[in-house]
PDB file of all heavy atoms in Angstrom:
ATOM      1  N   LYS A   1       0.816  -1.195  -0.002  1.00  0.00           N
ATOM      2  CA  LYS A   1       0.018   0.005   0.000  1.00  0.00           C
ATOM      3  C   LYS A   1       0.837   1.269  -0.010  1.00  0.00           C
ATOM      4  O   LYS A   1       0.344   2.352  -0.302  1.00  0.00           O
ATOM      5  CB  LYS A   1      -0.911   0.012   1.208  1.00  0.00           C
ATOM      6  CG  LYS A   1      -0.199   0.060   2.558  1.00  0.00           C
ATOM      7  CD  LYS A   1      -1.198   0.044   3.718  1.00  0.00           C
ATOM      8  CE  LYS A   1      -0.465   0.112   5.049  1.00  0.00           C
ATOM      9  NZ  LYS A   1      -1.430   0.105   6.166  1.00  0.00           N
ATOM     10  N   ASN A   2       2.129   1.150   0.319  1.00  0.00           N
ATOM     11  CA  ASN A   2       3.008   2.296   0.324  1.00  0.00           C
ATOM     12  C   ASN A   2       4.128   2.163  -0.703  1.00  0.00           C
ATOM     13  O   ASN A   2       5.207   2.737  -0.525  1.00  0.00           O
ATOM     14  CB  ASN A   2       3.633   2.513   1.707  1.00  0.00           C
ATOM     15  CG  ASN A   2       2.564   2.790   2.762  1.00  0.00           C
ATOM     16  OD1 ASN A   2       1.814   3.748   2.654  1.00  0.00           O
ATOM     17  ND2 ASN A   2       2.472   1.942   3.778  1.00  0.00           N
ATOM     18  N   GLY A   3       3.888   1.389  -1.740  1.00  0.00           N
ATOM     19  CA  GLY A   3       4.933   1.129  -2.729  1.00  0.00           C
ATOM     20  C   GLY A   3       5.416   2.336  -3.473  1.00  0.00           C
ATOM     21  O   GLY A   3       6.539   2.373  -3.966  1.00  0.00           O
ATOM     22  N   PHE A   4       4.556   3.388  -3.607  1.00  0.00           N
ATOM     23  CA  PHE A   4       4.953   4.604  -4.334  1.00  0.00           C
ATOM     24  C   PHE A   4       5.405   5.734  -3.443  1.00  0.00           C
ATOM     25  O   PHE A   4       5.688   6.809  -3.911  1.00  0.00           O
ATOM     26  CB  PHE A   4       3.791   5.049  -5.233  1.00  0.00           C
ATOM     27  CG  PHE A   4       3.467   4.119  -6.347  1.00  0.00           C
ATOM     28  CD1 PHE A   4       2.358   3.319  -6.290  1.00  0.00           C
ATOM     29  CD2 PHE A   4       4.311   4.025  -7.468  1.00  0.00           C
ATOM     30  CE1 PHE A   4       2.058   2.458  -7.330  1.00  0.00           C
ATOM     31  CE2 PHE A   4       4.011   3.161  -8.487  1.00  0.00           C
ATOM     32  CZ  PHE A   4       2.898   2.369  -8.426  1.00  0.00           C
ATOM     33  N   SER A   5       5.379   5.498  -2.126  1.00  0.00           N
ATOM     34  CA  SER A   5       5.766   6.559  -1.200  1.00  0.00           C
ATOM     35  C   SER A   5       7.281   6.704  -1.136  1.00  0.00           C
ATOM     36  O   SER A   5       8.014   5.737  -0.936  1.00  0.00           O
ATOM     37  CB  SER A   5       5.223   6.217   0.202  1.00  0.00           C
ATOM     38  OG  SER A   5       5.556   7.243   1.117  1.00  0.00           O
ATOM     39  N   LEU A   6       7.765   7.929  -1.337  1.00  0.00           N
ATOM     40  CA  LEU A   6       9.190   8.209  -1.329  1.00  0.00           C
ATOM     41  C   LEU A   6       9.613   9.083  -0.160  1.00  0.00           C
ATOM     42  O   LEU A   6      10.739   9.569  -0.117  1.00  0.00           O
ATOM     43  CB  LEU A   6       9.604   8.904  -2.635  1.00  0.00           C
ATOM     44  CG  LEU A   6       9.232   8.226  -3.924  1.00  0.00           C
ATOM     45  CD1 LEU A   6       9.558   9.097  -5.122  1.00  0.00           C
ATOM     46  CD2 LEU A   6       9.899   6.872  -4.049  1.00  0.00           C
ATOM     47  N   GLY A   7       8.727   9.307   0.786  1.00  0.00           N
ATOM     48  CA  GLY A   7       8.960  10.263   1.863  1.00  0.00           C
ATOM     49  C   GLY A   7       8.153  11.514   1.647  1.00  0.00           C
ATOM     50  O   GLY A   7       7.816  11.879   0.515  1.00  0.00           O
ATOM     51  N   PHE A   8       7.876  12.225   2.721  1.00  0.00           N
ATOM     52  CA  PHE A   8       6.942  13.337   2.645  1.00  0.00           C
ATOM     53  C   PHE A   8       7.410  14.431   1.629  1.00  0.00           C
ATOM     54  O   PHE A   8       6.607  14.904   0.829  1.00  0.00           O
ATOM     55  CB  PHE A   8       6.796  13.985   4.049  1.00  0.00           C
ATOM     56  CG  PHE A   8       5.916  15.193   4.052  1.00  0.00           C
ATOM     57  CD1 PHE A   8       4.542  15.051   4.050  1.00  0.00           C
ATOM     58  CD2 PHE A   8       6.469  16.472   4.071  1.00  0.00           C
ATOM     59  CE1 PHE A   8       3.714  16.185   4.027  1.00  0.00           C
ATOM     60  CE2 PHE A   8       5.647  17.586   4.076  1.00  0.00           C
ATOM     61  CZ  PHE A   8       4.270  17.444   4.072  1.00  0.00           C
ATOM     62  N   SER A   9       8.661  14.782   1.702  1.00  0.00           N
ATOM     63  CA  SER A   9       9.156  15.866   0.839  1.00  0.00           C
ATOM     64  C   SER A   9       9.039  15.497  -0.633  1.00  0.00           C
ATOM     65  O   SER A   9       8.544  16.290  -1.444  1.00  0.00           O
ATOM     66  CB  SER A   9      10.612  16.185   1.203  1.00  0.00           C
ATOM     67  OG  SER A   9      11.146  17.177   0.330  1.00  0.00           O
ATOM     68  N   LYS A  10       9.479  14.301  -1.009  1.00  0.00           N
ATOM     69  CA  LYS A  10       9.432  13.880  -2.393  1.00  0.00           C
ATOM     70  C   LYS A  10       8.004  13.630  -2.866  1.00  0.00           C
ATOM     71  O   LYS A  10       7.677  13.854  -4.028  1.00  0.00           O
ATOM     72  CB  LYS A  10      10.302  12.660  -2.594  1.00  0.00           C
ATOM     73  CG  LYS A  10      11.786  12.940  -2.437  1.00  0.00           C
ATOM     74  CD  LYS A  10      12.637  11.717  -2.653  1.00  0.00           C
ATOM     75  CE  LYS A  10      14.105  12.003  -2.486  1.00  0.00           C
ATOM     76  NZ  LYS A  10      14.958  10.812  -2.702  1.00  0.00           N
ATOM     77  N   ASN A  11       7.167  13.118  -1.947  1.00  0.00           N
ATOM     78  CA  ASN A  11       5.754  12.933  -2.310  1.00  0.00           C
ATOM     79  C   ASN A  11       5.092  14.260  -2.623  1.00  0.00           C
ATOM     80  O   ASN A  11       4.301  14.380  -3.554  1.00  0.00           O
ATOM     81  CB  ASN A  11       5.029  12.240  -1.175  1.00  0.00           C
ATOM     82  CG  ASN A  11       5.482  10.837  -0.927  1.00  0.00           C
ATOM     83  OD1 ASN A  11       6.113  10.227  -1.799  1.00  0.00           O
ATOM     84  ND2 ASN A  11       5.177  10.284   0.229  1.00  0.00           N
ATOM     85  N   LEU A  12       5.427  15.279  -1.826  1.00  0.00           N
ATOM     86  CA  LEU A  12       4.870  16.605  -2.068  1.00  0.00           C
ATOM     87  C   LEU A  12       5.339  17.171  -3.396  1.00  0.00           C
ATOM     88  O   LEU A  12       4.568  17.789  -4.150  1.00  0.00           O
ATOM     89  CB  LEU A  12       5.245  17.538  -0.913  1.00  0.00           C
ATOM     90  CG  LEU A  12       4.559  18.895  -0.831  1.00  0.00           C
ATOM     91  CD1 LEU A  12       3.075  18.738  -0.534  1.00  0.00           C
ATOM     92  CD2 LEU A  12       5.225  19.779   0.218  1.00  0.00           C
ATOM     93  N   ARG A  13       6.602  16.958  -3.719  1.00  0.00           N
ATOM     94  CA  ARG A  13       7.162  17.502  -4.967  1.00  0.00           C
ATOM     95  C   ARG A  13       6.583  16.793  -6.178  1.00  0.00           C
ATOM     96  O   ARG A  13       6.523  17.393  -7.250  1.00  0.00           O
ATOM     97  CB  ARG A  13       8.685  17.367  -4.922  1.00  0.00           C
ATOM     98  CG  ARG A  13       9.372  18.382  -4.023  1.00  0.00           C
ATOM     99  CD  ARG A  13      10.769  17.918  -3.648  1.00  0.00           C
ATOM    100  NE  ARG A  13      11.542  17.548  -4.801  1.00  0.00           N
ATOM    101  CZ  ARG A  13      12.683  16.867  -4.732  1.00  0.00           C
ATOM    102  NH1 ARG A  13      13.108  16.403  -3.575  1.00  0.00           N
ATOM    103  NH2 ARG A  13      13.348  16.539  -5.827  1.00  0.00           N
ATOM    104  N   GLN A  14       6.184  15.550  -6.034  1.00  0.00           N
ATOM    105  CA  GLN A  14       5.583  14.859  -7.182  1.00  0.00           C
ATOM    106  C   GLN A  14       4.315  15.533  -7.641  1.00  0.00           C
ATOM    107  O   GLN A  14       3.981  15.541  -8.816  1.00  0.00           O
ATOM    108  CB  GLN A  14       5.315  13.399  -6.853  1.00  0.00           C
ATOM    109  CG  GLN A  14       6.480  12.511  -7.059  1.00  0.00           C
ATOM    110  CD  GLN A  14       6.071  11.090  -7.418  1.00  0.00           C
ATOM    111  OE1 GLN A  14       4.946  10.677  -7.165  1.00  0.00           O
ATOM    112  NE2 GLN A  14       6.988  10.342  -8.000  1.00  0.00           N
ATOM    113  N   VAL A  15       3.546  16.115  -6.697  1.00  0.00           N
ATOM    114  CA  VAL A  15       2.273  16.766  -7.050  1.00  0.00           C
ATOM    115  C   VAL A  15       2.510  18.247  -7.394  1.00  0.00           C
ATOM    116  O   VAL A  15       1.958  18.750  -8.393  1.00  0.00           O
ATOM    117  CB  VAL A  15       1.275  16.624  -5.930  1.00  0.00           C
ATOM    118  CG1 VAL A  15      -0.011  17.392  -6.247  1.00  0.00           C
ATOM    119  CG2 VAL A  15       0.950  15.163  -5.681  1.00  0.00           C
ATOM    120  N   PHE A  16       3.324  18.946  -6.622  1.00  0.00           N
ATOM    121  CA  PHE A  16       3.454  20.385  -6.761  1.00  0.00           C
ATOM    122  C   PHE A  16       4.699  20.802  -7.525  1.00  0.00           C
ATOM    123  O   PHE A  16       4.813  21.954  -7.949  1.00  0.00           O
ATOM    124  CB  PHE A  16       3.451  21.064  -5.358  1.00  0.00           C
ATOM    125  CG  PHE A  16       2.114  21.006  -4.701  1.00  0.00           C
ATOM    126  CD1 PHE A  16       1.849  19.989  -3.775  1.00  0.00           C
ATOM    127  CD2 PHE A  16       1.130  21.909  -4.950  1.00  0.00           C
ATOM    128  CE1 PHE A  16       0.624  19.908  -3.148  1.00  0.00           C
ATOM    129  CE2 PHE A  16      -0.104  21.875  -4.345  1.00  0.00           C
ATOM    130  CZ  PHE A  16      -0.355  20.860  -3.420  1.00  0.00           C
ATOM    131  N   GLY A  17       5.658  19.906  -7.739  1.00  0.00           N
ATOM    132  CA  GLY A  17       6.850  20.221  -8.487  1.00  0.00           C
ATOM    133  C   GLY A  17       7.978  20.762  -7.639  1.00  0.00           C
ATOM    134  O   GLY A  17       7.858  20.906  -6.408  1.00  0.00           O
ATOM    135  N   ASP A  18       9.077  21.053  -8.290  1.00  0.00           N
ATOM    136  CA  ASP A  18      10.302  21.519  -7.605  1.00  0.00           C
ATOM    137  C   ASP A  18      10.293  23.028  -7.386  1.00  0.00           C
ATOM    138  O   ASP A  18      10.970  23.525  -6.480  1.00  0.00           O
ATOM    139  CB  ASP A  18      11.551  21.123  -8.389  1.00  0.00           C
ATOM    140  CG  ASP A  18      11.788  19.617  -8.385  1.00  0.00           C
ATOM    141  OD1 ASP A  18      11.438  18.975  -7.379  1.00  0.00           O
ATOM    142  OD2 ASP A  18      12.254  19.058  -9.392  1.00  0.00           O
ATOM    143  N   GLU A  19       9.589  23.769  -8.239  1.00  0.00           N
ATOM    144  CA  GLU A  19       9.565  25.222  -8.120  1.00  0.00           C
ATOM    145  C   GLU A  19       8.500  25.674  -7.134  1.00  0.00           C
ATOM    146  O   GLU A  19       7.297  25.639  -7.424  1.00  0.00           O
ATOM    147  CB  GLU A  19       9.317  25.848  -9.511  1.00  0.00           C
ATOM    148  CG  GLU A  19      10.381  25.543 -10.548  1.00  0.00           C
ATOM    149  CD  GLU A  19      11.703  26.248 -10.241  1.00  0.00           C
ATOM    150  OE1 GLU A  19      11.671  27.276  -9.515  1.00  0.00           O
ATOM    151  OE2 GLU A  19      12.760  25.781 -10.722  1.00  0.00           O
ATOM    152  N   LYS A  20       8.920  26.108  -5.965  1.00  0.00           N
ATOM    153  CA  LYS A  20       7.979  26.487  -4.910  1.00  0.00           C
ATOM    154  C   LYS A  20       7.164  27.716  -5.292  1.00  0.00           C
ATOM    155  O   LYS A  20       6.067  27.912  -4.730  1.00  0.00           O
ATOM    156  CB  LYS A  20       8.689  26.731  -3.586  1.00  0.00           C
ATOM    157  CG  LYS A  20       9.323  25.468  -2.997  1.00  0.00           C
ATOM    158  CD  LYS A  20       9.926  25.730  -1.663  1.00  0.00           C
ATOM    159  CE  LYS A  20      10.533  24.447  -1.077  1.00  0.00           C
ATOM    160  NZ  LYS A  20      11.139  24.708   0.267  1.00  0.00           N
ATOM    161  N   LYS A  21       7.659  28.542  -6.185  1.00  0.00           N
ATOM    162  CA  LYS A  21       6.926  29.757  -6.553  1.00  0.00           C
ATOM    163  C   LYS A  21       5.660  29.422  -7.321  1.00  0.00           C
ATOM    164  O   LYS A  21       4.761  30.285  -7.454  1.00  0.00           O
ATOM    165  CB  LYS A  21       7.817  30.645  -7.416  1.00  0.00           C
ATOM    166  CG  LYS A  21       8.312  30.028  -8.719  1.00  0.00           C
ATOM    167  CD  LYS A  21       9.232  30.962  -9.457  1.00  0.00           C
ATOM    168  CE  LYS A  21       9.771  30.301 -10.746  1.00  0.00           C
ATOM    169  NZ  LYS A  21      10.693  31.192 -11.452  1.00  0.00           N
ATOM    170  N   TYR A  22       5.521  28.184  -7.833  1.00  0.00           N
ATOM    171  CA  TYR A  22       4.314  27.785  -8.551  1.00  0.00           C
ATOM    172  C   TYR A  22       3.363  26.959  -7.695  1.00  0.00           C
ATOM    173  O   TYR A  22       2.301  26.574  -8.176  1.00  0.00           O
ATOM    174  CB  TYR A  22       4.702  26.973  -9.799  1.00  0.00           C
ATOM    175  CG  TYR A  22       5.503  27.738 -10.791  1.00  0.00           C
ATOM    176  CD1 TYR A  22       6.744  27.267 -11.216  1.00  0.00           C
ATOM    177  CD2 TYR A  22       5.019  28.919 -11.338  1.00  0.00           C
ATOM    178  CE1 TYR A  22       7.489  27.953 -12.152  1.00  0.00           C
ATOM    179  CE2 TYR A  22       5.770  29.624 -12.272  1.00  0.00           C
ATOM    180  CZ  TYR A  22       7.007  29.151 -12.662  1.00  0.00           C
ATOM    181  OH  TYR A  22       7.738  29.818 -13.600  1.00  0.00           O
ATOM    182  N   TRP A  23       3.702  26.660  -6.464  1.00  0.00           N
ATOM    183  CA  TRP A  23       2.915  25.765  -5.656  1.00  0.00           C
ATOM    184  C   TRP A  23       1.513  26.284  -5.404  1.00  0.00           C
ATOM    185  O   TRP A  23       0.551  25.536  -5.412  1.00  0.00           O
ATOM    186  CB  TRP A  23       3.620  25.481  -4.312  1.00  0.00           C
ATOM    187  CG  TRP A  23       4.742  24.503  -4.416  1.00  0.00           C
ATOM    188  CD1 TRP A  23       5.319  24.041  -5.566  1.00  0.00           C
ATOM    189  CD2 TRP A  23       5.405  23.856  -3.345  1.00  0.00           C
ATOM    190  NE1 TRP A  23       6.319  23.162  -5.281  1.00  0.00           N
ATOM    191  CE2 TRP A  23       6.405  23.022  -3.911  1.00  0.00           C
ATOM    192  CE3 TRP A  23       5.307  23.906  -1.950  1.00  0.00           C
ATOM    193  CZ2 TRP A  23       7.260  22.242  -3.146  1.00  0.00           C
ATOM    194  CZ3 TRP A  23       6.154  23.124  -1.184  1.00  0.00           C
ATOM    195  CH2 TRP A  23       7.103  22.304  -1.803  1.00  0.00           C
ATOM    196  N   LEU A  24       1.387  27.595  -5.182  1.00  0.00           N
ATOM    197  CA  LEU A  24       0.090  28.168  -4.806  1.00  0.00           C
ATOM    198  C   LEU A  24      -0.668  28.692  -6.020  1.00  0.00           C
ATOM    199  O   LEU A  24      -1.774  29.247  -5.860  1.00  0.00           O
ATOM    200  CB  LEU A  24       0.283  29.280  -3.775  1.00  0.00           C
ATOM    201  CG  LEU A  24       0.922  28.884  -2.434  1.00  0.00           C
ATOM    202  CD1 LEU A  24       1.058  30.077  -1.523  1.00  0.00           C
ATOM    203  CD2 LEU A  24       0.146  27.770  -1.753  1.00  0.00           C
ATOM    204  N   LEU A  25      -0.142  28.552  -7.191  1.00  0.00           N
ATOM    205  CA  LEU A  25      -0.804  29.028  -8.401  1.00  0.00           C
ATOM    206  C   LEU A  25      -1.373  27.863  -9.178  1.00  0.00           C
ATOM    207  O   LEU A  25      -0.710  26.787  -9.270  1.00  0.00           O
ATOM    208  CB  LEU A  25       0.197  29.793  -9.284  1.00  0.00           C
ATOM    209  CG  LEU A  25       0.775  31.076  -8.685  1.00  0.00           C
ATOM    210  CD1 LEU A  25       1.778  31.709  -9.651  1.00  0.00           C
ATOM    211  CD2 LEU A  25      -0.340  32.066  -8.341  1.00  0.00           C
ATOM    212  N   PRO A  26      -2.524  27.980  -9.780  1.00  0.00           N
ATOM    213  CA  PRO A  26      -3.119  26.893 -10.574  1.00  0.00           C
ATOM    214  C   PRO A  26      -2.469  26.742 -11.939  1.00  0.00           C
ATOM    215  O   PRO A  26      -3.094  26.899 -12.967  1.00  0.00           O
ATOM    216  CB  PRO A  26      -4.601  27.314 -10.689  1.00  0.00           C
ATOM    217  CG  PRO A  26      -4.787  28.386  -9.690  1.00  0.00           C
ATOM    218  CD  PRO A  26      -3.505  29.083  -9.553  1.00  0.00           C
ATOM    219  N   VAL A  27      -1.189  26.463 -11.941  1.00  0.00           N
ATOM    220  CA  VAL A  27      -0.449  26.181 -13.150  1.00  0.00           C
ATOM    221  C   VAL A  27       0.165  24.801 -13.009  1.00  0.00           C
ATOM    222  O   VAL A  27       0.583  24.415 -11.917  1.00  0.00           O
ATOM    223  CB  VAL A  27       0.641  27.242 -13.444  1.00  0.00           C
ATOM    224  CG1 VAL A  27       0.015  28.598 -13.751  1.00  0.00           C
ATOM    225  CG2 VAL A  27       1.610  27.341 -12.294  1.00  0.00           C
ATOM    226  N   PHE A  28       0.238  24.070 -14.102  1.00  0.00           N
ATOM    227  CA  PHE A  28       0.711  22.681 -14.015  1.00  0.00           C
ATOM    228  C   PHE A  28       2.204  22.663 -13.697  1.00  0.00           C
ATOM    229  O   PHE A  28       3.003  23.249 -14.446  1.00  0.00           O
ATOM    230  CB  PHE A  28       0.434  21.944 -15.308  1.00  0.00           C
ATOM    231  CG  PHE A  28       0.766  20.486 -15.247  1.00  0.00           C
ATOM    232  CD1 PHE A  28      -0.056  19.561 -14.650  1.00  0.00           C
ATOM    233  CD2 PHE A  28       2.002  20.012 -15.786  1.00  0.00           C
ATOM    234  CE1 PHE A  28       0.271  18.220 -14.588  1.00  0.00           C
ATOM    235  CE2 PHE A  28       2.327  18.665 -15.723  1.00  0.00           C
ATOM    236  CZ  PHE A  28       1.458  17.775 -15.113  1.00  0.00           C
ATOM    237  N   SER A  29       2.592  21.986 -12.641  1.00  0.00           N
ATOM    238  CA  SER A  29       3.996  21.885 -12.248  1.00  0.00           C
ATOM    239  C   SER A  29       4.338  20.519 -11.697  1.00  0.00           C
ATOM    240  O   SER A  29       5.424  20.323 -11.153  1.00  0.00           O
ATOM    241  CB  SER A  29       4.336  22.964 -11.209  1.00  0.00           C
ATOM    242  OG  SER A  29       3.538  22.846 -10.048  1.00  0.00           O
ATOM    243  N   SER A  30       3.446  19.547 -11.818  1.00  0.00           N
ATOM    244  CA  SER A  30       3.681  18.187 -11.291  1.00  0.00           C
ATOM    245  C   SER A  30       4.838  17.536 -12.044  1.00  0.00           C
ATOM    246  O   SER A  30       5.064  17.813 -13.244  1.00  0.00           O
ATOM    247  CB  SER A  30       2.416  17.323 -11.390  1.00  0.00           C
ATOM    248  OG  SER A  30       1.367  17.910 -10.703  1.00  0.00           O
ATOM    249  N   LEU A  31       5.548  16.664 -11.347  1.00  0.00           N
ATOM    250  CA  LEU A  31       6.719  16.003 -11.944  1.00  0.00           C
ATOM    251  C   LEU A  31       6.242  14.748 -12.732  1.00  0.00           C
ATOM    252  O   LEU A  31       5.262  14.114 -12.367  1.00  0.00           O
ATOM    253  CB  LEU A  31       7.711  15.580 -10.870  1.00  0.00           C
ATOM    254  CG  LEU A  31       8.340  16.683 -10.039  1.00  0.00           C
ATOM    255  CD1 LEU A  31       9.317  16.119  -9.047  1.00  0.00           C
ATOM    256  CD2 LEU A  31       9.047  17.705 -10.949  1.00  0.00           C
ATOM    257  N   GLY A  32       6.995  14.444 -13.785  1.00  0.00           N
ATOM    258  CA  GLY A  32       6.764  13.214 -14.512  1.00  0.00           C
ATOM    259  C   GLY A  32       5.782  13.393 -15.659  1.00  0.00           C
ATOM    260  O   GLY A  32       5.373  14.497 -16.006  1.00  0.00           O
ATOM    261  N   ASP A  33       5.455  12.277 -16.266  1.00  0.00           N
ATOM    262  CA  ASP A  33       4.583  12.274 -17.430  1.00  0.00           C
ATOM    263  C   ASP A  33       3.280  11.527 -17.174  1.00  0.00           C
ATOM    264  O   ASP A  33       2.421  11.415 -18.039  1.00  0.00           O
ATOM    265  CB  ASP A  33       5.275  11.659 -18.648  1.00  0.00           C
ATOM    266  CG  ASP A  33       5.732  10.221 -18.390  1.00  0.00           C
ATOM    267  OD1 ASP A  33       5.527   9.730 -17.258  1.00  0.00           O
ATOM    268  OD2 ASP A  33       6.327   9.617 -19.288  1.00  0.00           O
ATOM    269  N   GLY A  34       3.097  11.004 -15.944  1.00  0.00           N
ATOM    270  CA  GLY A  34       1.881  10.304 -15.601  1.00  0.00           C
ATOM    271  C   GLY A  34       1.856   8.830 -16.005  1.00  0.00           C
ATOM    272  O   GLY A  34       0.967   8.099 -15.583  1.00  0.00           O
ATOM    273  N   CYS A  35       2.850   8.395 -16.795  1.00  0.00           N
ATOM    274  CA  CYS A  35       2.856   6.989 -17.253  1.00  0.00           C
ATOM    275  C   CYS A  35       3.779   6.138 -16.400  1.00  0.00           C
ATOM    276  O   CYS A  35       3.581   4.908 -16.352  1.00  0.00           O
ATOM    277  CB  CYS A  35       3.302   6.952 -18.730  1.00  0.00           C
ATOM    278  SG  CYS A  35       2.110   7.641 -19.879  1.00  0.00           S
TER     279      CYS A  35
END
């Protein structure tokens, strides 16, 4: 059930990205390609 968990910090970056300036803006910044 936790096979994709990489730790809190990396899990957060997967959704919001590496650039913190985009975290609170509705612009796509998630990491990866979804596949």
